[in-house]
């Protein structure tokens, strides 16, 4: 499976999680400071770009999905010596 295929599978799984499951997954995999950063950055970016609801509401999730995909990629990448 390529990383791109894995990323699409991850997004499919993420879309099917309820709020409690998402919160549990984030608590286990994302530092609190990163969660705060994603929320603040998304809000500022949306304001600067004139992005409105409902897209504005989804921006933190998009940022966190990107972060989680990067973490997953790093965990699965063979160590390079």
Protein backbone atom coordinates (compact mmCIF):
# COMPACT_ATOMS: atom_id res chain seq x y z
CA UNK A 1 0.00 0.00 0.00
CA UNK A 2 1.38 3.39 -0.93
CA UNK A 3 1.35 6.29 1.50
CA UNK A 4 -1.24 8.04 -0.67
CA UNK A 5 -3.57 5.02 -0.48
CA UNK A 6 -3.00 4.84 3.26
CA UNK A 7 -3.84 8.54 3.61
CA UNK A 8 -7.16 8.06 1.80
CA UNK A 9 -7.97 5.09 4.06
CA UNK A 10 -7.16 7.22 7.10
CA UNK A 11 -9.51 9.97 5.93
CA UNK A 12 -12.28 7.41 5.35
CA UNK A 13 -11.84 6.09 8.89
CA UNK A 14 -11.66 9.61 10.35
CA UNK A 15 -14.93 10.60 8.67
CA UNK A 16 -16.72 7.69 10.34
CA UNK A 17 -15.60 8.50 13.88
CA UNK A 18 -17.99 10.19 16.28
CA UNK A 19 -16.87 13.19 18.36
CA UNK A 20 -15.90 11.10 21.40
CA UNK A 21 -13.76 8.77 19.26
CA UNK A 22 -12.08 11.73 17.57
CA UNK A 23 -11.34 13.34 20.93
CA UNK A 24 -9.83 10.10 22.26
CA UNK A 25 -7.68 9.67 19.16
CA UNK A 26 -6.48 13.29 19.33
CA UNK A 27 -5.69 13.02 23.05
CA UNK A 28 -3.52 9.96 22.40
CA UNK A 29 -1.68 11.33 19.35
CA UNK A 30 -1.58 15.11 19.38
CA UNK A 31 0.12 17.29 22.01
CA UNK A 32 -2.25 19.83 23.60
CA UNK A 33 -0.09 22.70 22.33
CA UNK A 34 -0.55 21.43 18.77
CA UNK A 35 -4.34 21.34 19.24
CA UNK A 36 -4.27 24.93 20.49
CA UNK A 37 -2.04 26.00 17.61
CA UNK A 38 -4.33 24.38 15.01
CA UNK A 39 -7.40 26.12 16.41
CA UNK A 40 -5.72 29.53 16.60
CA UNK A 41 -4.02 29.26 13.22
CA UNK A 42 -7.23 28.10 11.51
CA UNK A 43 -9.19 30.98 13.02
CA UNK A 44 -6.62 33.59 11.99
CA UNK A 45 -6.23 32.09 8.51
CA UNK A 46 -10.00 31.99 7.96
CA UNK A 47 -10.34 35.61 9.09
CA UNK A 48 -7.48 36.78 6.87
CA UNK A 49 -8.86 34.93 3.84
CA UNK A 50 -12.52 35.79 4.39
CA UNK A 51 -13.46 32.12 4.78
CA UNK A 52 -16.94 31.63 6.21
CA UNK A 53 -18.91 28.82 7.79
CA UNK A 54 -19.13 25.87 7.36
CA UNK A 55 -15.61 25.68 5.88
CA UNK A 56 -14.21 27.86 8.66
CA UNK A 57 -15.48 25.38 11.22
CA UNK A 58 -13.69 22.49 9.50
CA UNK A 59 -10.26 24.10 9.11
CA UNK A 60 -8.84 22.92 12.47
CA UNK A 61 -9.82 19.35 11.56
CA UNK A 62 -8.11 19.63 8.19
CA UNK A 63 -4.94 20.89 9.83
CA UNK A 64 -5.04 18.08 12.39
CA UNK A 65 -5.63 15.45 9.70
CA UNK A 66 -2.51 16.71 7.94
CA UNK A 67 -0.59 16.58 11.21
CA UNK A 68 -1.79 13.05 11.96
CA UNK A 69 -0.90 11.86 8.47
CA UNK A 70 2.61 13.23 8.91
CA UNK A 71 2.93 11.49 12.31
CA UNK A 72 1.70 8.23 10.77
CA UNK A 73 4.14 8.56 7.88
CA UNK A 74 7.05 9.14 10.26
CA UNK A 75 6.08 6.19 12.46
CA UNK A 76 5.84 3.84 9.50
CA UNK A 77 8.96 5.04 7.68
CA UNK A 78 11.87 2.69 8.12
CA UNK A 79 14.67 4.21 10.11
CA UNK A 80 17.38 5.64 7.92
CA UNK A 81 20.93 5.16 9.10
